[in-house]
């Protein structure tokens, strides 16, 4: 009587849960998967592997005729909706020495999961990695790295050569500064530059007044040249008329010789004026730049803070020369 009651309850539960659904998951190799391994989704077992059978070469199915294995999976009918027909199923384990089991993951892509799995369906599982695959991927990565090294090596060698040359130049520069007096010589050279600029402005150019006179003289000279050019332009037609009249005179005087010499004289005068005019323009521009405080001489001479900045630079070089040249060893 008790056995009959237990059997009735078992059949009643099976009827309530629905008929089991069986489907096959195909792999190229089982990778340690065995019979009765659970089928897990979100950490919860919903079925198990009933059997694992080989797939022969040329058999139809997701393996496209290749040799592999098929895991026959059974789940309860009420859990069929948890496994989409396009689900991703792979072999997983909780550790290196743990038993293998099947894990259900959502289908690839961003689309809808699709309909639930049906009885008798076949799914292509994700092949678990093998030692051969790991070694092959490692070898491919090593080859890629070797190609990268071979490509970069010439540029890296050239960069190292340039860095060595830069270091040699820096060492030579530091040695030259020490040999020529070092910081003191550098400060003296800066002071000499300031003194030379001041002398050029105050003595050779006569200070601001001298620069003003130079500019005035250059402007007067350019105006005089412009007047001479205008006079030459007026003289040109008159000379042409005289030449035309003289060609009509016959006798011992050749009309071409004196007129030619006069024309040559005017041409030489024009050429001399053409050479003088750019010089005066350059002198005017130079004087304007110096008066505005432009250029090396103008900036140094017109900047009242430059001597003080030079003194501060000298103090910095004396007290902390390593900030400009090189840091002393500890």
C-alpha atoms as a PDB file:
ATOM      1  CA  UNK A   1       0.000   0.000   0.000  1.00  0.00           C
ATOM      2  CA  UNK A   2       2.842   2.435   0.876  1.00  0.00           C
ATOM      3  CA  UNK A   3       4.677   1.604  -2.351  1.00  0.00           C
ATOM      4  CA  UNK A   4       1.549   2.232  -4.377  1.00  0.00           C
ATOM      5  CA  UNK A   5       1.034   5.593  -2.678  1.00  0.00           C
ATOM      6  CA  UNK A   6       4.644   6.635  -3.349  1.00  0.00           C
ATOM      7  CA  UNK A   7       4.342   5.658  -6.999  1.00  0.00           C
ATOM      8  CA  UNK A   8       1.101   7.581  -7.356  1.00  0.00           C
ATOM      9  CA  UNK A   9       2.635  10.693  -5.823  1.00  0.00           C
ATOM     10  CA  UNK A  10       5.687  10.405  -8.142  1.00  0.00           C
ATOM     11  CA  UNK A  11       3.498  10.106 -11.229  1.00  0.00           C
ATOM     12  CA  UNK A  12       1.373  13.018 -10.020  1.00  0.00           C
ATOM     13  CA  UNK A  13       4.463  15.224  -9.653  1.00  0.00           C
ATOM     14  CA  UNK A  14       5.671  14.264 -13.119  1.00  0.00           C
ATOM     15  CA  UNK A  15       2.284  15.150 -14.565  1.00  0.00           C
ATOM     16  CA  UNK A  16       2.283  18.489 -12.746  1.00  0.00           C
ATOM     17  CA  UNK A  17       5.747  19.373 -13.961  1.00  0.00           C
ATOM     18  CA  UNK A  18       5.083  18.281 -17.512  1.00  0.00           C
ATOM     19  CA  UNK A  19       6.931  15.844 -19.717  1.00  0.00           C
ATOM     20  CA  UNK A  20      10.745  16.193 -19.746  1.00  0.00           C
ATOM     21  CA  UNK A  21      12.392  17.844 -22.734  1.00  0.00           C
ATOM     22  CA  UNK A  22      15.529  16.356 -24.223  1.00  0.00           C
ATOM     23  CA  UNK A  23      17.869  18.129 -26.613  1.00  0.00           C
ATOM     24  CA  UNK A  24      21.437  17.648 -27.770  1.00  0.00           C
ATOM     25  CA  UNK A  25      24.388  20.006 -27.385  1.00  0.00           C
ATOM     26  CA  UNK A  26      27.251  19.271 -29.783  1.00  0.00           C
ATOM     27  CA  UNK A  27      30.951  20.006 -29.155  1.00  0.00           C
ATOM     28  CA  UNK A  28      34.154  19.074 -30.936  1.00  0.00           C
ATOM     29  CA  UNK A  29      35.385  17.510 -27.684  1.00  0.00           C
ATOM     30  CA  UNK A  30      33.909  16.968 -24.230  1.00  0.00           C
ATOM     31  CA  UNK A  31      36.819  18.432 -22.174  1.00  0.00           C
ATOM     32  CA  UNK A  32      36.111  16.288 -19.100  1.00  0.00           C
ATOM     33  CA  UNK A  33      32.320  16.541 -19.200  1.00  0.00           C
ATOM     34  CA  UNK A  34      30.663  13.335 -17.995  1.00  0.00           C
ATOM     35  CA  UNK A  35      27.236  11.796 -17.619  1.00  0.00           C
ATOM     36  CA  UNK A  36      24.826  13.232 -15.027  1.00  0.00           C
ATOM     37  CA  UNK A  37      26.640  16.619 -15.066  1.00  0.00           C
ATOM     38  CA  UNK A  38      24.142  19.373 -14.205  1.00  0.00           C
ATOM     39  CA  UNK A  39      22.808  22.016 -16.584  1.00  0.00           C
ATOM     40  CA  UNK A  40      23.021  25.335 -14.723  1.00  0.00           C
ATOM     41  CA  UNK A  41      21.521  28.730 -15.446  1.00  0.00           C
ATOM     42  CA  UNK A  42      22.173  31.713 -13.157  1.00  0.00           C
ATOM     43  CA  UNK A  43      23.744  29.363 -10.597  1.00  0.00           C
ATOM     44  CA  UNK A  44      20.662  27.114 -10.381  1.00  0.00           C
ATOM     45  CA  UNK A  45      20.573  23.558 -11.824  1.00  0.00           C
ATOM     46  CA  UNK A  46      17.581  23.027 -14.122  1.00  0.00           C
ATOM     47  CA  UNK A  47      18.570  19.753 -15.775  1.00  0.00           C
ATOM     48  CA  UNK A  48      21.310  17.199 -16.281  1.00  0.00           C
ATOM     49  CA  UNK A  49      23.331  15.412 -18.936  1.00  0.00           C
ATOM     50  CA  UNK A  50      21.786  11.998 -19.521  1.00  0.00           C
ATOM     51  CA  UNK A  51      24.470  10.655 -21.835  1.00  0.00           C
ATOM     52  CA  UNK A  52      27.461  11.640 -23.957  1.00  0.00           C
ATOM     53  CA  UNK A  53      27.842   9.980 -27.337  1.00  0.00           C
ATOM     54  CA  UNK A  54      30.335  10.402 -30.182  1.00  0.00           C
ATOM     55  CA  UNK A  55      29.457  12.142 -33.447  1.00  0.00           C
ATOM     56  CA  UNK A  56      30.956  10.403 -36.448  1.00  0.00           C
ATOM     57  CA  UNK A  57      32.575  12.109 -39.416  1.00  0.00           C
ATOM     58  CA  UNK A  58      30.068  13.124 -42.058  1.00  0.00           C
ATOM     59  CA  UNK A  59      27.083  13.120 -39.721  1.00  0.00           C
ATOM     60  CA  UNK A  60      24.584  15.922 -40.390  1.00  0.00           C
ATOM     61  CA  UNK A  61      24.072  18.599 -37.799  1.00  0.00           C
ATOM     62  CA  UNK A  62      25.655  21.729 -36.337  1.00  0.00           C
ATOM     63  CA  UNK A  63      29.191  20.237 -36.561  1.00  0.00           C
ATOM     64  CA  UNK A  64      28.950  20.286 -40.380  1.00  0.00           C
ATOM     65  CA  UNK A  65      30.230  16.754 -40.764  1.00  0.00           C
ATOM     66  CA  UNK A  66      33.176  17.090 -38.386  1.00  0.00           C
ATOM     67  CA  UNK A  67      33.999  14.604 -35.642  1.00  0.00           C
ATOM     68  CA  UNK A  68      32.789  15.531 -32.141  1.00  0.00           C
ATOM     69  CA  UNK A  69      30.616  14.600 -29.185  1.00  0.00           C
ATOM     70  CA  UNK A  70      26.937  15.127 -28.369  1.00  0.00           C
ATOM     71  CA  UNK A  71      25.641  15.687 -24.844  1.00  0.00           C
ATOM     72  CA  UNK A  72      22.025  14.604 -24.419  1.00  0.00           C
ATOM     73  CA  UNK A  73      20.476  17.050 -21.919  1.00  0.00           C
ATOM     74  CA  UNK A  74      17.185  16.584 -20.091  1.00  0.00           C
ATOM     75  CA  UNK A  75      15.270  19.410 -18.409  1.00  0.00           C
ATOM     76  CA  UNK A  76      11.840  19.666 -16.860  1.00  0.00           C
ATOM     77  CA  UNK A  77       9.084  20.856 -19.118  1.00  0.00           C
ATOM     78  CA  UNK A  78       8.296  23.723 -16.789  1.00  0.00           C
ATOM     79  CA  UNK A  79      11.870  25.034 -17.128  1.00  0.00           C
ATOM     80  CA  UNK A  80      11.991  24.962 -20.917  1.00  0.00           C
ATOM     81  CA  UNK A  81      11.289  28.703 -21.120  1.00  0.00           C
ATOM     82  CA  UNK A  82      14.567  29.375 -19.314  1.00  0.00           C
ATOM     83  CA  UNK A  83      16.607  27.965 -22.222  1.00  0.00           C
ATOM     84  CA  UNK A  84      16.157  29.917 -25.493  1.00  0.00           C
ATOM     85  CA  UNK A  85      16.440  28.002 -28.736  1.00  0.00           C
ATOM     86  CA  UNK A  86      19.478  30.138 -29.660  1.00  0.00           C
ATOM     87  CA  UNK A  87      21.093  30.069 -26.213  1.00  0.00           C
ATOM     88  CA  UNK A  88      24.857  29.881 -25.718  1.00  0.00           C
ATOM     89  CA  UNK A  89      25.841  26.722 -23.830  1.00  0.00           C
ATOM     90  CA  UNK A  90      29.414  26.068 -22.722  1.00  0.00           C
ATOM     91  CA  UNK A  91      31.370  23.748 -20.422  1.00  0.00           C
ATOM     92  CA  UNK A  92      32.238  25.365 -17.083  1.00  0.00           C
ATOM     93  CA  UNK A  93      33.692  24.414 -13.708  1.00  0.00           C
ATOM     94  CA  UNK A  94      34.066  26.005 -10.290  1.00  0.00           C
ATOM     95  CA  UNK A  95      37.815  25.367 -10.155  1.00  0.00           C
ATOM     96  CA  UNK A  96      40.698  23.593 -11.927  1.00  0.00           C
ATOM     97  CA  UNK A  97      39.991  20.311 -10.130  1.00  0.00           C
ATOM     98  CA  UNK A  98      36.188  20.599  -9.926  1.00  0.00           C
ATOM     99  CA  UNK A  99      33.735  18.600 -12.012  1.00  0.00           C
ATOM    100  CA  UNK A 100      32.597  20.044 -15.300  1.00  0.00           C
ATOM    101  CA  UNK A 101      29.006  21.091 -15.946  1.00  0.00           C
ATOM    102  CA  UNK A 102      27.012  22.871 -18.641  1.00  0.00           C
ATOM    103  CA  UNK A 103      26.246  26.571 -18.248  1.00  0.00           C
ATOM    104  CA  UNK A 104      23.465  28.380 -20.135  1.00  0.00           C
ATOM    105  CA  UNK A 105      24.193  31.963 -21.192  1.00  0.00           C
ATOM    106  CA  UNK A 106      22.039  34.469 -23.083  1.00  0.00           C
ATOM    107  CA  UNK A 107      22.332  34.355 -26.864  1.00  0.00           C
ATOM    108  CA  UNK A 108      24.964  36.511 -28.515  1.00  0.00           C
ATOM    109  CA  UNK A 109      23.889  39.888 -29.840  1.00  0.00           C
ATOM    110  CA  UNK A 110      21.361  42.377 -28.538  1.00  0.00           C
ATOM    111  CA  UNK A 111      18.223  40.804 -30.010  1.00  0.00           C
ATOM    112  CA  UNK A 112      15.377  39.060 -28.234  1.00  0.00           C
ATOM    113  CA  UNK A 113      16.088  35.630 -26.698  1.00  0.00           C
ATOM    114  CA  UNK A 114      13.638  33.980 -29.066  1.00  0.00           C
ATOM    115  CA  UNK A 115      11.410  30.966 -28.474  1.00  0.00           C
ATOM    116  CA  UNK A 116      12.095  28.322 -25.849  1.00  0.00           C
ATOM    117  CA  UNK A 117      13.983  25.134 -26.559  1.00  0.00           C
ATOM    118  CA  UNK A 118      11.966  22.242 -27.963  1.00  0.00           C
ATOM    119  CA  UNK A 119      12.237  18.522 -27.540  1.00  0.00           C
ATOM    120  CA  UNK A 120      14.721  16.979 -29.991  1.00  0.00           C
ATOM    121  CA  UNK A 121      16.514  20.258 -30.803  1.00  0.00           C
ATOM    122  CA  UNK A 122      20.252  20.405 -31.474  1.00  0.00           C
ATOM    123  CA  UNK A 123      22.443  23.294 -30.314  1.00  0.00           C
ATOM    124  CA  UNK A 124      26.048  24.079 -31.174  1.00  0.00           C
ATOM    125  CA  UNK A 125      27.914  24.480 -27.897  1.00  0.00           C
ATOM    126  CA  UNK A 126      30.982  26.610 -27.326  1.00  0.00           C
ATOM    127  CA  UNK A 127      34.045  24.378 -27.546  1.00  0.00           C
ATOM    128  CA  UNK A 128      36.029  24.439 -24.304  1.00  0.00           C
ATOM    129  CA  UNK A 129      39.673  25.453 -24.604  1.00  0.00           C
ATOM    130  CA  UNK A 130      42.268  22.722 -24.845  1.00  0.00           C
ATOM    131  CA  UNK A 131      45.977  22.739 -24.182  1.00  0.00           C
ATOM    132  CA  UNK A 132      46.633  22.648 -27.919  1.00  0.00           C
ATOM    133  CA  UNK A 133      44.462  25.720 -28.458  1.00  0.00           C
ATOM    134  CA  UNK A 134      46.145  27.560 -25.604  1.00  0.00           C
ATOM    135  CA  UNK A 135      49.593  26.758 -26.966  1.00  0.00           C
ATOM    136  CA  UNK A 136      48.560  27.769 -30.482  1.00  0.00           C
ATOM    137  CA  UNK A 137      47.195  31.128 -29.300  1.00  0.00           C
ATOM    138  CA  UNK A 138      50.341  31.671 -27.244  1.00  0.00           C
ATOM    139  CA  UNK A 139      52.515  30.934 -30.276  1.00  0.00           C
ATOM    140  CA  UNK A 140      50.484  33.308 -32.448  1.00  0.00           C
ATOM    141  CA  UNK A 141      50.851  36.050 -29.839  1.00  0.00           C
ATOM    142  CA  UNK A 142      54.604  35.464 -29.683  1.00  0.00           C
ATOM    143  CA  UNK A 143      54.851  35.742 -33.475  1.00  0.00           C
ATOM    144  CA  UNK A 144      52.864  38.981 -33.408  1.00  0.00           C
ATOM    145  CA  UNK A 145      55.117  40.374 -30.688  1.00  0.00           C
ATOM    146  CA  UNK A 146      58.218  39.350 -32.660  1.00  0.00           C
ATOM    147  CA  UNK A 147      56.926  41.167 -35.743  1.00  0.00           C
ATOM    148  CA  UNK A 148      56.264  44.244 -33.629  1.00  0.00           C
ATOM    149  CA  UNK A 149      59.774  44.134 -32.176  1.00  0.00           C
ATOM    150  CA  UNK A 150      61.329  43.698 -35.635  1.00  0.00           C
ATOM    151  CA  UNK A 151      59.365  46.685 -36.921  1.00  0.00           C
ATOM    152  CA  UNK A 152      60.186  48.985 -34.018  1.00  0.00           C
ATOM    153  CA  UNK A 153      63.831  47.941 -33.521  1.00  0.00           C
ATOM    154  CA  UNK A 154      65.362  50.241 -36.252  1.00  0.00           C
ATOM    155  CA  UNK A 155      63.485  53.301 -34.976  1.00  0.00           C
ATOM    156  CA  UNK A 156      64.397  52.457 -31.391  1.00  0.00           C
ATOM    157  CA  UNK A 157      68.069  52.077 -32.305  1.00  0.00           C
ATOM    158  CA  UNK A 158      68.020  55.422 -34.142  1.00  0.00           C
ATOM    159  CA  UNK A 159      66.386  57.091 -31.150  1.00  0.00           C
ATOM    160  CA  UNK A 160      69.011  55.686 -28.804  1.00  0.00           C
ATOM    161  CA  UNK A 161      71.772  56.931 -31.123  1.00  0.00           C
ATOM    162  CA  UNK A 162      70.302  60.427 -31.162  1.00  0.00           C
ATOM    163  CA  UNK A 163      69.954  60.414 -27.379  1.00  0.00           C
ATOM    164  CA  UNK A 164      73.604  59.389 -27.051  1.00  0.00           C
ATOM    165  CA  UNK A 165      74.636  62.215 -29.389  1.00  0.00           C
ATOM    166  CA  UNK A 166      72.552  64.684 -27.405  1.00  0.00           C
ATOM    167  CA  UNK A 167      74.173  63.514 -24.180  1.00  0.00           C
ATOM    168  CA  UNK A 168      77.661  63.873 -25.713  1.00  0.00           C
ATOM    169  CA  UNK A 169      76.850  67.404 -26.913  1.00  0.00           C
ATOM    170  CA  UNK A 170      75.544  68.325 -23.467  1.00  0.00           C
ATOM    171  CA  UNK A 171      78.635  66.962 -21.747  1.00  0.00           C
ATOM    172  CA  UNK A 172      80.861  68.812 -24.216  1.00  0.00           C
ATOM    173  CA  UNK A 173      78.923  72.034 -23.658  1.00  0.00           C
ATOM    174  CA  UNK A 174      79.228  71.703 -19.898  1.00  0.00           C
ATOM    175  CA  UNK A 175      82.960  71.024 -20.264  1.00  0.00           C
ATOM    176  CA  UNK A 176      83.419  74.057 -22.507  1.00  0.00           C
ATOM    177  CA  UNK A 177      81.677  76.275 -19.981  1.00  0.00           C
ATOM    178  CA  UNK A 178      83.927  75.014 -17.215  1.00  0.00           C
ATOM    179  CA  UNK A 179      87.049  75.408 -19.376  1.00  0.00           C
ATOM    180  CA  UNK A 180      86.218  78.987 -20.362  1.00  0.00           C
ATOM    181  CA  UNK A 181      85.521  80.222 -16.879  1.00  0.00           C
ATOM    182  CA  UNK A 182      82.119  78.711 -16.258  1.00  0.00           C
ATOM    183  CA  UNK A 183      79.469  80.868 -14.670  1.00  0.00           C
ATOM    184  CA  UNK A 184      81.691  83.914 -14.197  1.00  0.00           C
ATOM    185  CA  UNK A 185      82.539  84.026 -17.899  1.00  0.00           C
ATOM    186  CA  UNK A 186      78.857  83.718 -18.807  1.00  0.00           C
ATOM    187  CA  UNK A 187      77.945  86.625 -16.510  1.00  0.00           C
ATOM    188  CA  UNK A 188      80.794  88.746 -17.895  1.00  0.00           C
ATOM    189  CA  UNK A 189      79.651  88.006 -21.453  1.00  0.00           C
ATOM    190  CA  UNK A 190      76.102  89.142 -20.635  1.00  0.00           C
ATOM    191  CA  UNK A 191      77.419  92.328 -19.026  1.00  0.00           C
ATOM    192  CA  UNK A 192      79.629  92.978 -22.051  1.00  0.00           C
ATOM    193  CA  UNK A 193      76.619  92.575 -24.337  1.00  0.00           C
ATOM    194  CA  UNK A 194      74.667  95.140 -22.314  1.00  0.00           C
ATOM    195  CA  UNK A 195      77.606  97.577 -22.327  1.00  0.00           C
ATOM    196  CA  UNK A 196      78.111  97.187 -26.101  1.00  0.00           C
ATOM    197  CA  UNK A 197      74.433  97.813 -26.789  1.00  0.00           C
ATOM    198  CA  UNK A 198      74.473 100.898 -24.571  1.00  0.00           C
ATOM    199  CA  UNK A 199      77.618 102.280 -26.251  1.00  0.00           C
ATOM    200  CA  UNK A 200      76.180 101.681 -29.706  1.00  0.00           C
ATOM    201  CA  UNK A 201      73.031 103.564 -28.838  1.00  0.00           C
ATOM    202  CA  UNK A 202      74.569 106.433 -26.866  1.00  0.00           C
ATOM    203  CA  UNK A 203      77.922 106.912 -28.636  1.00  0.00           C
ATOM    204  CA  UNK A 204      77.652 105.676 -32.221  1.00  0.00           C
ATOM    205  CA  UNK A 205      74.004 106.677 -32.668  1.00  0.00           C
ATOM    206  CA  UNK A 206      74.044 109.664 -30.298  1.00  0.00           C
ATOM    207  CA  UNK A 207      71.255 108.505 -28.056  1.00  0.00           C
ATOM    208  CA  UNK A 208      67.645 109.428 -28.737  1.00  0.00           C
ATOM    209  CA  UNK A 209      68.633 112.795 -30.215  1.00  0.00           C
ATOM    210  CA  UNK A 210      71.117 111.182 -32.590  1.00  0.00           C
ATOM    211  CA  UNK A 211      68.570 108.619 -33.727  1.00  0.00           C
ATOM    212  CA  UNK A 212      66.065 111.418 -34.351  1.00  0.00           C
ATOM    213  CA  UNK A 213      68.625 113.362 -36.422  1.00  0.00           C
ATOM    214  CA  UNK A 214      69.499 110.197 -38.363  1.00  0.00           C
ATOM    215  CA  UNK A 215      65.849 109.638 -39.175  1.00  0.00           C
ATOM    216  CA  UNK A 216      65.408 113.275 -40.211  1.00  0.00           C
ATOM    217  CA  UNK A 217      68.507 113.130 -42.448  1.00  0.00           C
ATOM    218  CA  UNK A 218      67.335 109.927 -44.084  1.00  0.00           C
ATOM    219  CA  UNK A 219      63.894 111.401 -44.769  1.00  0.00           C
ATOM    220  CA  UNK A 220      65.430 114.579 -46.263  1.00  0.00           C
ATOM    221  CA  UNK A 221      67.715 112.487 -48.463  1.00  0.00           C
ATOM    222  CA  UNK A 222      64.790 110.424 -49.712  1.00  0.00           C
ATOM    223  CA  UNK A 223      62.822 113.588 -50.514  1.00  0.00           C
ATOM    224  CA  UNK A 224      65.852 114.983 -52.403  1.00  0.00           C
ATOM    225  CA  UNK A 225      66.157 111.762 -54.382  1.00  0.00           C
ATOM    226  CA  UNK A 226      62.461 111.973 -55.263  1.00  0.00           C
ATOM    227  CA  UNK A 227      62.943 115.545 -56.548  1.00  0.00           C
ATOM    228  CA  UNK A 228      65.985 114.495 -58.617  1.00  0.00           C
ATOM    229  CA  UNK A 229      63.967 111.628 -60.115  1.00  0.00           C
ATOM    230  CA  UNK A 230      61.212 114.073 -61.060  1.00  0.00           C
ATOM    231  CA  UNK A 231      63.753 116.406 -62.680  1.00  0.00           C
ATOM    232  CA  UNK A 232      65.237 113.514 -64.654  1.00  0.00           C
ATOM    233  CA  UNK A 233      61.791 112.516 -65.827  1.00  0.00           C
ATOM    234  CA  UNK A 234      61.233 116.081 -67.077  1.00  0.00           C
ATOM    235  CA  UNK A 235      64.677 116.185 -68.717  1.00  0.00           C
ATOM    236  CA  UNK A 236      64.121 112.974 -70.635  1.00  0.00           C
ATOM    237  CA  UNK A 237      61.614 114.331 -73.216  1.00  0.00           C
ATOM    238  CA  UNK A 238      63.678 117.514 -73.716  1.00  0.00           C
ATOM    239  CA  UNK A 239      66.785 115.417 -74.422  1.00  0.00           C
ATOM    240  CA  UNK A 240      64.860 113.353 -76.924  1.00  0.00           C
ATOM    241  CA  UNK A 241      63.733 116.514 -78.735  1.00  0.00           C
ATOM    242  CA  UNK A 242      67.306 117.874 -78.867  1.00  0.00           C
ATOM    243  CA  UNK A 243      68.499 114.555 -80.264  1.00  0.00           C
ATOM    244  CA  UNK A 244      65.882 114.705 -83.005  1.00  0.00           C
ATOM    245  CA  UNK A 245      66.967 118.226 -83.994  1.00  0.00           C
ATOM    246  CA  UNK A 246      70.665 117.429 -83.986  1.00  0.00           C
ATOM    247  CA  UNK A 247      70.226 114.475 -86.293  1.00  0.00           C
ATOM    248  CA  UNK A 248      69.129 116.927 -88.959  1.00  0.00           C
ATOM    249  CA  UNK A 249      72.383 118.903 -88.761  1.00  0.00           C
ATOM    250  CA  UNK A 250      74.992 117.797 -91.188  1.00  0.00           C
ATOM    251  CA  UNK A 251      78.638 118.579 -90.832  1.00  0.00           C
ATOM    252  CA  UNK A 252      81.632 117.511 -88.871  1.00  0.00           C
ATOM    253  CA  UNK A 253      79.728 117.103 -85.568  1.00  0.00           C
ATOM    254  CA  UNK A 254      78.027 113.748 -85.247  1.00  0.00           C
ATOM    255  CA  UNK A 255      74.798 114.160 -83.441  1.00  0.00           C
ATOM    256  CA  UNK A 256      74.888 110.755 -81.782  1.00  0.00           C
ATOM    257  CA  UNK A 257      78.116 111.069 -79.803  1.00  0.00           C
ATOM    258  CA  UNK A 258      77.452 114.007 -77.405  1.00  0.00           C
ATOM    259  CA  UNK A 259      73.840 113.027 -76.892  1.00  0.00           C
ATOM    260  CA  UNK A 260      74.849 109.455 -76.214  1.00  0.00           C
ATOM    261  CA  UNK A 261      77.325 110.594 -73.610  1.00  0.00           C
ATOM    262  CA  UNK A 262      74.652 112.760 -71.956  1.00  0.00           C
ATOM    263  CA  UNK A 263      72.185 109.880 -71.988  1.00  0.00           C
ATOM    264  CA  UNK A 264      74.808 107.582 -70.473  1.00  0.00           C
ATOM    265  CA  UNK A 265      75.461 110.170 -67.758  1.00  0.00           C
ATOM    266  CA  UNK A 266      71.768 110.332 -66.885  1.00  0.00           C
ATOM    267  CA  UNK A 267      71.544 106.538 -66.813  1.00  0.00           C
ATOM    268  CA  UNK A 268      74.486 106.342 -64.381  1.00  0.00           C
ATOM    269  CA  UNK A 269      72.889 108.982 -62.210  1.00  0.00           C
ATOM    270  CA  UNK A 270      69.628 107.031 -62.092  1.00  0.00           C
ATOM    271  CA  UNK A 271      71.511 103.829 -61.192  1.00  0.00           C
ATOM    272  CA  UNK A 272      73.329 105.584 -58.340  1.00  0.00           C
ATOM    273  CA  UNK A 273      70.041 106.924 -57.011  1.00  0.00           C
ATOM    274  CA  UNK A 274      68.515 103.438 -57.194  1.00  0.00           C
ATOM    275  CA  UNK A 275      71.361 102.078 -55.050  1.00  0.00           C
ATOM    276  CA  UNK A 276      71.182 104.898 -52.506  1.00  0.00           C
ATOM    277  CA  UNK A 277      67.417 104.777 -52.031  1.00  0.00           C
ATOM    278  CA  UNK A 278      67.258 101.206 -50.543  1.00  0.00           C
ATOM    279  CA  UNK A 279      70.115 102.036 -48.190  1.00  0.00           C
ATOM    280  CA  UNK A 280      68.294 105.095 -46.917  1.00  0.00           C
ATOM    281  CA  UNK A 281      65.083 103.060 -46.565  1.00  0.00           C
ATOM    282  CA  UNK A 282      66.929 100.412 -44.554  1.00  0.00           C
ATOM    283  CA  UNK A 283      68.534 103.078 -42.375  1.00  0.00           C
ATOM    284  CA  UNK A 284      65.150 104.698 -41.778  1.00  0.00           C
ATOM    285  CA  UNK A 285      63.579 101.369 -40.851  1.00  0.00           C
ATOM    286  CA  UNK A 286      66.498 100.550 -38.534  1.00  0.00           C
ATOM    287  CA  UNK A 287      66.224 103.910 -36.823  1.00  0.00           C
ATOM    288  CA  UNK A 288      62.459 103.521 -36.405  1.00  0.00           C
ATOM    289  CA  UNK A 289      62.905 100.064 -34.870  1.00  0.00           C
ATOM    290  CA  UNK A 290      65.572 101.299 -32.448  1.00  0.00           C
ATOM    291  CA  UNK A 291      63.427 104.295 -31.509  1.00  0.00           C
ATOM    292  CA  UNK A 292      60.454 101.985 -30.837  1.00  0.00           C
ATOM    293  CA  UNK A 293      62.634  99.708 -28.717  1.00  0.00           C
ATOM    294  CA  UNK A 294      62.562  96.810 -31.196  1.00  0.00           C
ATOM    295  CA  UNK A 295      65.430  94.502 -32.068  1.00  0.00           C
ATOM    296  CA  UNK A 296      68.204  93.297 -29.786  1.00  0.00           C
ATOM    297  CA  UNK A 297      69.884  96.676 -29.310  1.00  0.00           C
ATOM    298  CA  UNK A 298      66.625  98.588 -28.964  1.00  0.00           C
ATOM    299  CA  UNK A 299      65.105  96.179 -26.466  1.00  0.00           C
ATOM    300  CA  UNK A 300      68.223  95.913 -24.346  1.00  0.00           C
ATOM    301  CA  UNK A 301      68.888  99.636 -24.343  1.00  0.00           C
ATOM    302  CA  UNK A 302      65.285 100.748 -23.757  1.00  0.00           C
ATOM    303  CA  UNK A 303      64.352  98.123 -21.153  1.00  0.00           C
ATOM    304  CA  UNK A 304      65.105  99.640 -17.703  1.00  0.00           C
ATOM    305  CA  UNK A 305      64.533  96.276 -15.994  1.00  0.00           C
ATOM    306  CA  UNK A 306      66.987  94.301 -18.126  1.00  0.00           C
ATOM    307  CA  UNK A 307      70.091  95.073 -15.978  1.00  0.00           C
ATOM    308  CA  UNK A 308      68.188  94.021 -12.861  1.00  0.00           C
ATOM    309  CA  UNK A 309      67.033  90.819 -14.577  1.00  0.00           C
ATOM    310  CA  UNK A 310      70.633  90.129 -15.546  1.00  0.00           C
ATOM    311  CA  UNK A 311      71.745  90.526 -11.947  1.00  0.00           C
ATOM    312  CA  UNK A 312      69.032  88.106 -10.794  1.00  0.00           C
ATOM    313  CA  UNK A 313      70.125  85.660 -13.494  1.00  0.00           C
ATOM    314  CA  UNK A 314      73.722  85.931 -12.299  1.00  0.00           C
ATOM    315  CA  UNK A 315      72.672  85.216  -8.717  1.00  0.00           C
ATOM    316  CA  UNK A 316      70.648  82.206  -9.843  1.00  0.00           C
ATOM    317  CA  UNK A 317      73.529  80.823 -11.892  1.00  0.00           C
ATOM    318  CA  UNK A 318      75.997  81.333  -9.028  1.00  0.00           C
ATOM    319  CA  UNK A 319      73.790  79.773  -6.351  1.00  0.00           C
ATOM    320  CA  UNK A 320      71.999  77.068  -8.342  1.00  0.00           C
ATOM    321  CA  UNK A 321      74.021  76.370 -11.509  1.00  0.00           C
ATOM    322  CA  UNK A 322      72.570  72.871 -11.809  1.00  0.00           C
ATOM    323  CA  UNK A 323      69.210  74.372 -12.811  1.00  0.00           C
ATOM    324  CA  UNK A 324      70.798  75.586 -16.066  1.00  0.00           C
ATOM    325  CA  UNK A 325      73.732  73.255 -16.648  1.00  0.00           C
ATOM    326  CA  UNK A 326      73.443  69.946 -14.801  1.00  0.00           C
ATOM    327  CA  UNK A 327      72.472  68.763 -11.336  1.00  0.00           C
ATOM    328  CA  UNK A 328      75.482  67.884  -9.141  1.00  0.00           C
ATOM    329  CA  UNK A 329      75.759  64.245  -8.057  1.00  0.00           C
ATOM    330  CA  UNK A 330      74.640  63.422  -4.495  1.00  0.00           C
END
